[in-house]
Amino acid sequence: MPDHNLRHPIDLAPPRGGPAGRHGLKIAGIVAAIAFVTAAIVLVSGGVSRPNAELAPRPPSTAAQTVVVVPVAEQALTRTIIGDGSVVAWQELVVDFETGGLRVVEVAFEEGDRVTAGQIMARLDDTVPAAQLAQAEAALAEAEAALDIARLELRRATELARGNDIARQTLEQRQSAARQAEARLLAARARRDETAARLAQTRVLAPADGIVSRRAILPGAVAQPAQEVARIIRDGRLELDARVPELDLATVRPGQRVQVRHGERAIAAEVRAIAPTVGGDNRLGIVHVALPAGSGLRPGMFAQAEIQPQPRLALTVPQQAVLFRDTAPVVFVLPAGAERVVLRPIRTGDRFLGAVEVTDGLAPGDRVVTAGAGFLSDGERVRVAAAR
């Protein structure tokens, strides 16, 4: 019985002939090709594999890294020690009045003047001391005359006593009078010397050659004992009291060269002495640096000292050869005739000009890796670059 509900029955057979049929065949071929290529890619890339398959490990690389090595050698180290401080006098002499109560009548110097030992710097009114000296000299002359008389009487009494023409008591009296006269003469001489010294104290003399750094009196003032007159820089010598850290003092010695810098100026000097104590508050020691004459510096100026200790021999390696593993310094050493490097711990000292001092862990002649050391590991095979 025909199906009256299906107006246009569908033909499932592929079309035969005609352009539309041929176009459908082409599309089907393209889809099949794409599926084949996709399956091949998945298979090659391992997308389709057995559940328990394992990846094969990569074989270790046998390529050698190219490095540069240098031998460890001894080198003369000179590390500059830096200190700073103030310019002071080598010795500053304080000149005082030795007597008092007299007026200053002359001041014969100014600050900055050069003086010589024994030069008169100031004078006091010497009227009273001069009169006292004259009186003391007169008393001395009187005592000398009294002694002459006493000795003459003693001589006569002694001659009379030989003939028993004088009493023994009288002779003893003459002897006592002569001794008293001698004592008076000694006292008169002492008083004369004392007044002469007081008169000399009215003249203030320079105790040594030097430069006047301070003037403390004016004419017309009344002097007092121990009152300051002036201060003198002995021989005009200046020095720099450079403060140096305590750890650097062990390498500082008298006579070492020093470069003193003040602003743009550089002055050649030398170490004179090292203070025996270190400041407990700042842990700094004082190095006395003698400045040459004509340095142009003045007391109170601030300057810097570059102390140059004597060179010392030490094992050194280039700074780029030193690495840090677990915060400890190490180097890579390439033994003679070997192809693999050895990681070796070291102990370091001072650093200077791109080099590092090695105090332990290396010996002279050991070859350490410089260029390329940061990419190595212990036991790695290397190839030494040819020297250029």
Protein backbone atom coordinates (compact mmCIF):
# COMPACT_ATOMS: atom_id res chain seq x y z
CA MET A 1 0.00 0.00 0.00
CA PRO A 2 1.50 3.26 -1.01
CA ASP A 3 2.35 5.78 1.66
CA HIS A 4 0.24 8.72 0.96
CA ASN A 5 1.86 10.75 3.75
CA LEU A 6 5.31 10.86 2.07
CA ARG A 7 5.03 13.14 -0.81
CA HIS A 8 8.72 13.04 -1.90
CA PRO A 9 10.51 9.83 -0.95
CA ILE A 10 14.33 10.25 -0.26
CA ASP A 11 16.79 8.33 -2.38
CA LEU A 12 19.69 7.15 -0.20
CA ALA A 13 21.81 5.91 -3.06
CA PRO A 14 24.68 8.13 -4.07
CA PRO A 15 24.12 10.20 -7.09
CA ARG A 16 25.42 8.86 -10.32
CA GLY A 17 27.09 11.01 -12.78
CA GLY A 18 26.71 14.72 -12.95
CA PRO A 19 28.73 17.51 -11.29
CA ALA A 20 27.12 17.25 -7.85
CA GLY A 21 28.20 13.62 -7.44
CA ARG A 22 31.79 14.25 -8.31
CA HIS A 23 32.03 17.20 -5.78
CA GLY A 24 30.89 14.99 -2.90
CA LEU A 25 33.58 12.44 -3.66
CA LYS A 26 36.29 15.08 -3.46
CA ILE A 27 35.15 16.25 0.01
CA ALA A 28 35.14 12.72 1.33
CA GLY A 29 38.72 12.20 0.10
CA ILE A 30 39.97 15.34 1.81
CA VAL A 31 38.39 14.35 5.14
CA ALA A 32 40.02 10.93 4.97
CA ALA A 33 43.45 12.46 4.25
CA ILE A 34 43.17 14.82 7.21
CA ALA A 35 42.26 11.95 9.52
CA PHE A 36 45.26 9.93 8.31
CA VAL A 37 47.73 12.79 8.89
CA THR A 38 46.30 13.48 12.35
CA ALA A 39 46.68 9.85 13.37
CA ALA A 40 50.26 9.80 12.13
CA ILE A 41 51.17 12.96 14.14
CA VAL A 42 49.65 11.55 17.33
CA LEU A 43 51.51 8.30 16.89
CA VAL A 44 54.89 9.98 16.29
CA SER A 45 54.53 12.43 19.17
CA GLY A 46 53.71 9.67 21.63
CA GLY A 47 50.15 10.63 22.14
CA VAL A 48 49.15 7.02 21.61
CA SER A 49 51.27 4.78 23.82
CA ARG A 50 51.01 1.90 26.09
CA PRO A 51 49.81 2.76 29.61
CA ASN A 52 53.01 1.50 31.30
CA ALA A 53 55.52 2.94 28.80
CA GLU A 54 58.42 4.93 30.32
CA LEU A 55 60.50 7.73 28.80
CA ALA A 56 64.13 6.81 28.16
CA PRO A 57 66.64 9.04 30.15
CA ARG A 58 68.75 11.57 28.28
CA PRO A 59 72.36 10.54 27.96
CA PRO A 60 74.77 12.95 29.70
CA SER A 61 76.42 15.52 27.53
CA THR A 62 80.07 14.87 26.82
CA ALA A 63 80.80 18.41 25.59
CA ALA A 64 83.58 20.24 27.52
CA GLN A 65 83.13 23.86 28.59
CA THR A 66 85.88 26.22 27.51
CA VAL A 67 87.50 28.04 30.42
CA VAL A 68 90.51 30.22 31.19
CA VAL A 69 92.94 29.24 33.95
CA VAL A 70 95.72 31.19 35.66
CA PRO A 71 98.42 29.93 38.02
CA VAL A 72 98.47 30.98 41.67
CA ALA A 73 101.52 33.14 42.37
CA GLU A 74 103.02 35.28 45.12
CA GLN A 75 102.60 39.00 44.75
CA ALA A 76 103.82 42.00 46.72
CA LEU A 77 100.81 43.52 48.48
CA THR A 78 100.66 47.14 49.50
CA ARG A 79 97.41 48.20 51.14
CA THR A 80 96.97 51.88 51.86
CA ILE A 81 95.74 52.67 55.38
CA ILE A 82 93.48 55.70 55.64
CA GLY A 83 93.38 57.97 58.68
CA ASP A 84 92.30 61.52 59.37
CA GLY A 85 92.73 64.09 62.10
CA SER A 86 93.92 67.57 63.03
CA VAL A 87 97.22 69.32 62.46
CA VAL A 88 98.98 70.02 65.77
CA ALA A 89 102.35 71.29 66.97
CA TRP A 90 105.09 68.72 67.42
CA GLN A 91 105.83 70.35 70.78
CA GLU A 92 104.05 73.47 72.00
CA LEU A 93 106.02 75.33 74.67
CA VAL A 94 104.13 77.53 77.12
CA VAL A 95 106.13 80.59 78.25
CA ASP A 96 105.08 82.00 81.67
CA PHE A 97 106.12 84.79 84.03
CA GLU A 98 108.30 83.53 86.85
CA THR A 99 107.78 86.58 89.05
CA GLY A 100 104.85 88.86 89.80
CA GLY A 101 103.86 92.29 90.98
CA LEU A 102 105.81 94.11 88.25
CA ARG A 103 104.45 95.99 85.29
CA VAL A 104 105.02 94.89 81.69
CA VAL A 105 107.05 97.57 79.93
CA GLU A 106 107.85 95.82 76.62
CA VAL A 107 106.46 93.02 74.46
CA ALA A 108 108.91 92.25 71.68
CA PHE A 109 107.00 89.69 69.60
CA GLU A 110 103.83 89.09 67.61
CA GLU A 111 101.92 85.95 66.75
CA GLY A 112 103.58 84.15 63.87
CA ASP A 113 107.04 85.58 64.58
CA ARG A 114 110.05 83.28 64.56
CA VAL A 115 112.11 83.42 67.74
CA THR A 116 115.46 81.94 68.72
CA ALA A 117 116.53 80.43 72.01
CA GLY A 118 117.47 83.16 74.52
CA GLN A 119 115.75 85.96 72.61
CA ILE A 120 114.04 88.59 74.82
CA MET A 121 110.29 88.32 74.32
CA ALA A 122 109.07 90.68 77.09
CA ARG A 123 110.46 92.91 79.85
CA LEU A 124 109.10 93.92 83.23
CA ASP A 125 109.88 97.07 85.19
CA ASP A 126 113.17 96.17 86.91
CA THR A 127 113.62 99.28 89.10
CA VAL A 128 112.84 97.56 92.39
CA PRO A 129 114.74 94.30 91.65
CA ALA A 130 117.77 96.31 90.51
CA ALA A 131 117.78 98.30 93.78
CA GLN A 132 117.43 95.11 95.79
CA LEU A 133 120.40 93.65 93.96
CA ALA A 134 122.52 96.68 94.73
CA GLN A 135 121.59 96.40 98.41
CA ALA A 136 122.43 92.69 98.43
CA GLU A 137 125.81 93.35 96.84
CA ALA A 138 126.59 95.98 99.51
CA ALA A 139 125.65 93.54 102.26
CA LEU A 140 127.92 90.98 100.64
CA ALA A 141 130.85 93.41 100.62
CA GLU A 142 130.23 94.17 104.30
CA ALA A 143 130.19 90.46 105.15
CA GLU A 144 133.46 89.94 103.29
CA ALA A 145 135.11 92.76 105.25
CA ALA A 146 133.84 91.38 108.57
CA LEU A 147 135.26 87.98 107.69
CA ASP A 148 138.66 89.51 106.94
CA ILE A 149 138.74 91.18 110.37
CA ALA A 150 137.63 88.01 112.14
CA ARG A 151 140.32 85.98 110.43
CA LEU A 152 143.00 88.55 111.30
CA GLU A 153 142.05 88.54 114.99
CA LEU A 154 142.03 84.76 114.97
CA ARG A 155 145.53 84.69 113.50
CA ARG A 156 146.85 87.02 116.24
CA ALA A 157 145.18 85.07 118.99
CA THR A 158 146.68 81.85 117.65
CA GLU A 159 150.22 83.32 117.73
CA LEU A 160 149.77 84.57 121.31
CA ALA A 161 148.43 81.22 122.41
CA ARG A 162 151.65 79.53 121.30
CA GLY A 163 153.55 81.54 123.97
CA ASN A 164 150.79 81.22 126.53
CA ASP A 165 150.31 84.99 126.29
CA ILE A 166 146.53 84.74 125.88
CA ALA A 167 143.86 82.86 127.66
CA ARG A 168 142.46 79.73 126.07
CA GLN A 169 138.99 81.17 126.32
CA THR A 170 139.95 84.22 124.25
CA LEU A 171 141.34 82.01 121.49
CA GLU A 172 138.10 80.05 121.34
CA GLN A 173 136.12 83.28 121.08
CA ARG A 174 138.23 84.41 118.11
CA GLN A 175 137.67 81.05 116.40
CA SER A 176 133.89 81.29 116.91
CA ALA A 177 133.82 84.87 115.59
CA ALA A 178 135.64 83.80 112.41
CA ARG A 179 133.15 81.00 111.77
CA GLN A 180 130.22 83.36 112.30
CA ALA A 181 131.73 85.80 109.81
CA GLU A 182 132.08 83.03 107.24
CA ALA A 183 128.41 82.08 107.73
CA ARG A 184 127.29 85.68 107.31
CA LEU A 185 129.30 85.90 104.13
CA LEU A 186 127.60 82.79 102.73
CA ALA A 187 124.16 84.19 103.62
CA ALA A 188 125.02 87.52 101.96
CA ARG A 189 126.08 85.73 98.80
CA ALA A 190 122.83 83.72 98.74
CA ARG A 191 120.77 86.91 99.11
CA ARG A 192 122.76 88.52 96.34
CA ASP A 193 122.20 85.54 94.03
CA GLU A 194 118.48 85.51 94.84
CA THR A 195 118.00 89.16 94.01
CA ALA A 196 120.06 88.73 90.85
CA ALA A 197 117.75 85.89 89.78
CA ARG A 198 114.70 88.02 90.46
CA LEU A 199 116.18 90.76 88.36
CA ALA A 200 116.81 88.29 85.54
CA GLN A 201 113.17 87.16 85.74
CA THR A 202 112.09 90.62 84.63
CA ARG A 203 113.26 89.56 81.15
CA VAL A 204 111.22 86.79 79.53
CA LEU A 205 113.41 84.74 77.16
CA ALA A 206 112.45 82.28 74.45
CA PRO A 207 113.24 78.74 75.70
CA ALA A 208 113.91 77.35 72.20
CA ASP A 209 113.76 78.17 68.53
CA GLY A 210 110.29 78.19 67.10
CA ILE A 211 107.24 80.09 65.92
CA VAL A 212 104.97 82.08 68.23
CA SER A 213 101.52 80.52 67.99
CA ARG A 214 99.85 82.69 70.64
CA ARG A 215 100.43 85.98 72.43
CA ALA A 216 98.76 86.40 75.81
CA ILE A 217 100.05 89.71 77.27
CA LEU A 218 99.98 93.43 76.52
CA PRO A 219 102.25 96.27 77.68
CA GLY A 220 101.08 97.95 80.88
CA ALA A 221 99.66 94.84 82.51
CA VAL A 222 100.87 93.76 85.95
CA ALA A 223 102.46 90.35 85.75
CA GLN A 224 101.47 87.49 88.03
CA PRO A 225 103.51 84.36 88.77
CA ALA A 226 102.77 81.53 86.27
CA GLN A 227 100.79 83.89 84.03
CA GLU A 228 101.01 82.83 80.39
CA VAL A 229 103.07 85.06 78.13
CA ALA A 230 103.10 83.15 74.84
CA ARG A 231 103.07 79.75 73.20
CA ILE A 232 105.82 78.59 70.85
CA ILE A 233 105.76 75.79 68.28
CA ARG A 234 109.16 74.26 68.90
CA ASP A 235 111.37 74.43 65.82
CA GLY A 236 108.23 75.27 63.83
CA ARG A 237 107.54 71.56 63.40
CA LEU A 238 103.98 70.42 62.78
CA GLU A 239 102.43 66.97 62.59
CA LEU A 240 99.12 65.34 61.82
CA ASP A 241 97.48 63.28 64.54
CA ALA A 242 95.80 60.75 62.24
CA ARG A 243 93.12 58.50 63.73
CA VAL A 244 93.52 54.95 62.44
CA PRO A 245 91.29 51.89 63.11
CA GLU A 246 92.79 49.53 65.68
CA LEU A 247 92.97 46.61 63.25
CA ASP A 248 95.29 48.60 60.95
CA LEU A 249 97.73 49.73 63.64
CA ALA A 250 99.67 46.45 63.57
CA THR A 251 101.06 47.22 60.11
CA VAL A 252 102.05 50.84 60.83
CA ARG A 253 105.70 51.52 61.63
CA PRO A 254 107.74 54.71 62.24
CA GLY A 255 109.39 55.93 59.06
CA GLN A 256 106.69 54.70 56.67
CA ARG A 257 105.72 57.04 53.86
CA VAL A 258 102.48 58.99 54.15
CA GLN A 259 100.55 61.07 51.64
CA VAL A 260 98.75 63.86 53.49
CA ARG A 261 95.84 65.38 51.60
CA HIS A 262 94.26 68.73 52.40
CA GLY A 263 91.82 69.82 49.76
CA GLU A 264 93.60 69.67 46.41
CA ARG A 265 97.06 69.55 47.97
CA ALA A 266 99.07 66.37 48.47
CA ILE A 267 102.02 66.55 50.89
CA ALA A 268 104.71 63.89 51.28
CA ALA A 269 105.26 63.06 54.96
CA GLU A 270 106.24 60.12 57.17
CA VAL A 271 105.14 58.35 60.33
CA ARG A 272 106.99 59.68 63.41
CA ALA A 273 105.42 57.58 66.16
CA ILE A 274 102.35 55.53 67.10
CA ALA A 275 100.45 56.28 70.30
CA PRO A 276 100.63 53.35 72.77
CA THR A 277 96.91 53.41 73.60
CA VAL A 278 93.64 53.10 71.66
CA GLY A 279 90.49 55.06 72.40
CA GLY A 280 88.00 52.93 74.28
CA ASP A 281 85.02 54.82 72.85
CA ASN A 282 85.89 54.74 69.15
CA ARG A 283 88.58 52.02 68.89
CA LEU A 284 90.88 54.39 67.04
CA GLY A 285 94.60 54.80 67.57
CA ILE A 286 96.65 57.93 66.95
CA VAL A 287 99.47 57.89 64.42
CA HIS A 288 101.75 60.94 64.64
CA VAL A 289 102.68 61.96 61.09
CA ALA A 290 105.59 64.40 60.82
CA LEU A 291 104.92 67.15 58.29
CA PRO A 292 107.75 68.70 56.28
CA ALA A 293 108.76 72.33 56.65
CA GLY A 294 106.79 74.61 54.37
CA SER A 295 103.81 72.28 54.11
CA GLY A 296 101.45 75.25 54.24
CA LEU A 297 99.31 73.61 56.90
CA ARG A 298 98.46 75.31 60.18
CA PRO A 299 97.54 73.95 63.61
CA GLY A 300 93.85 73.12 63.80
CA MET A 301 93.44 72.21 60.13
CA PHE A 302 91.78 68.90 59.26
CA ALA A 303 93.58 66.59 56.82
CA GLN A 304 93.61 62.99 55.61
CA ALA A 305 96.58 60.63 55.76
CA GLU A 306 97.21 57.77 53.34
CA ILE A 307 99.76 55.55 55.09
CA GLN A 308 101.70 53.16 52.87
CA PRO A 309 103.03 50.15 54.84
CA GLN A 310 105.93 48.06 53.59
CA PRO A 311 104.90 45.59 50.83
CA ARG A 312 104.50 41.94 51.85
CA LEU A 313 104.44 38.76 49.74
CA ALA A 314 101.15 36.84 49.58
CA LEU A 315 99.39 34.26 47.39
CA THR A 316 96.80 35.95 45.19
CA VAL A 317 94.16 34.94 42.66
CA PRO A 318 92.04 37.11 40.35
CA GLN A 319 88.85 38.30 41.97
CA GLN A 320 86.64 36.62 39.31
CA ALA A 321 88.07 33.22 40.28
CA VAL A 322 86.59 33.41 43.79
CA LEU A 323 83.02 32.13 44.11
CA PHE A 324 80.79 31.63 47.12
CA ARG A 325 79.07 28.34 47.87
CA ASP A 326 77.04 28.23 51.07
CA THR A 327 78.47 31.67 51.94
CA ALA A 328 82.02 30.24 51.93
CA PRO A 329 84.68 31.25 49.36
CA VAL A 330 85.73 28.55 46.86
CA VAL A 331 87.68 28.24 43.62
CA PHE A 332 87.78 25.68 40.83
CA VAL A 333 91.23 24.13 40.44
CA LEU A 334 92.33 22.28 37.32
CA PRO A 335 95.14 19.86 38.27
CA ALA A 336 98.04 19.52 35.87
CA GLY A 337 97.22 17.05 33.08
CA ALA A 338 93.59 16.68 34.19
CA GLU A 339 90.43 17.47 32.24
CA ARG A 340 88.03 17.85 35.15
CA VAL A 341 87.95 20.67 37.68
CA VAL A 342 88.00 20.26 41.47
CA LEU A 343 85.99 22.50 43.78
CA ARG A 344 88.30 23.67 46.57
CA PRO A 345 87.38 25.78 49.65
CA ILE A 346 89.79 28.60 50.49
CA ARG A 347 90.34 31.29 53.11
CA THR A 348 90.80 34.84 51.89
CA GLY A 349 92.57 37.91 53.21
CA ASP A 350 92.90 41.40 51.80
CA ARG A 351 91.45 42.50 48.48
CA PHE A 352 93.09 45.04 46.21
CA LEU A 353 93.18 46.05 42.53
CA GLY A 354 91.08 43.11 41.30
CA ALA A 355 93.05 40.49 43.26
CA VAL A 356 92.25 38.50 46.40
CA GLU A 357 94.76 37.25 48.94
CA VAL A 358 94.48 33.52 49.71
CA THR A 359 95.67 32.57 53.18
CA ASP A 360 94.75 28.87 53.05
CA GLY A 361 93.61 26.26 50.52
CA LEU A 362 95.99 26.92 47.61
CA ALA A 363 99.68 26.51 46.88
CA PRO A 364 101.94 28.33 44.43
CA GLY A 365 101.49 26.91 40.94
CA ASP A 366 97.89 25.71 41.37
CA ARG A 367 95.79 26.57 38.33
CA VAL A 368 92.45 28.22 39.09
CA VAL A 369 89.60 28.87 36.68
CA THR A 370 88.79 32.50 36.02
CA ALA A 371 86.58 32.99 32.94
CA GLY A 372 83.66 30.56 33.07
CA ALA A 373 84.02 29.58 36.73
CA GLY A 374 80.49 30.62 37.59
CA PHE A 375 78.98 27.96 35.29
CA LEU A 376 80.98 24.98 36.57
CA SER A 377 80.28 22.21 39.05
CA ASP A 378 82.66 19.92 40.88
CA GLY A 379 84.18 17.27 38.60
CA GLU A 380 82.96 18.82 35.37
CA ARG A 381 85.04 18.31 32.24
CA VAL A 382 86.55 21.48 30.79
CA ARG A 383 88.71 22.57 27.92
CA VAL A 384 91.37 25.26 28.46
CA ALA A 385 91.18 28.12 25.99
CA ALA A 386 94.25 28.65 23.91
CA ALA A 387 96.44 31.56 24.96
CA ARG A 388 96.19 34.63 22.78
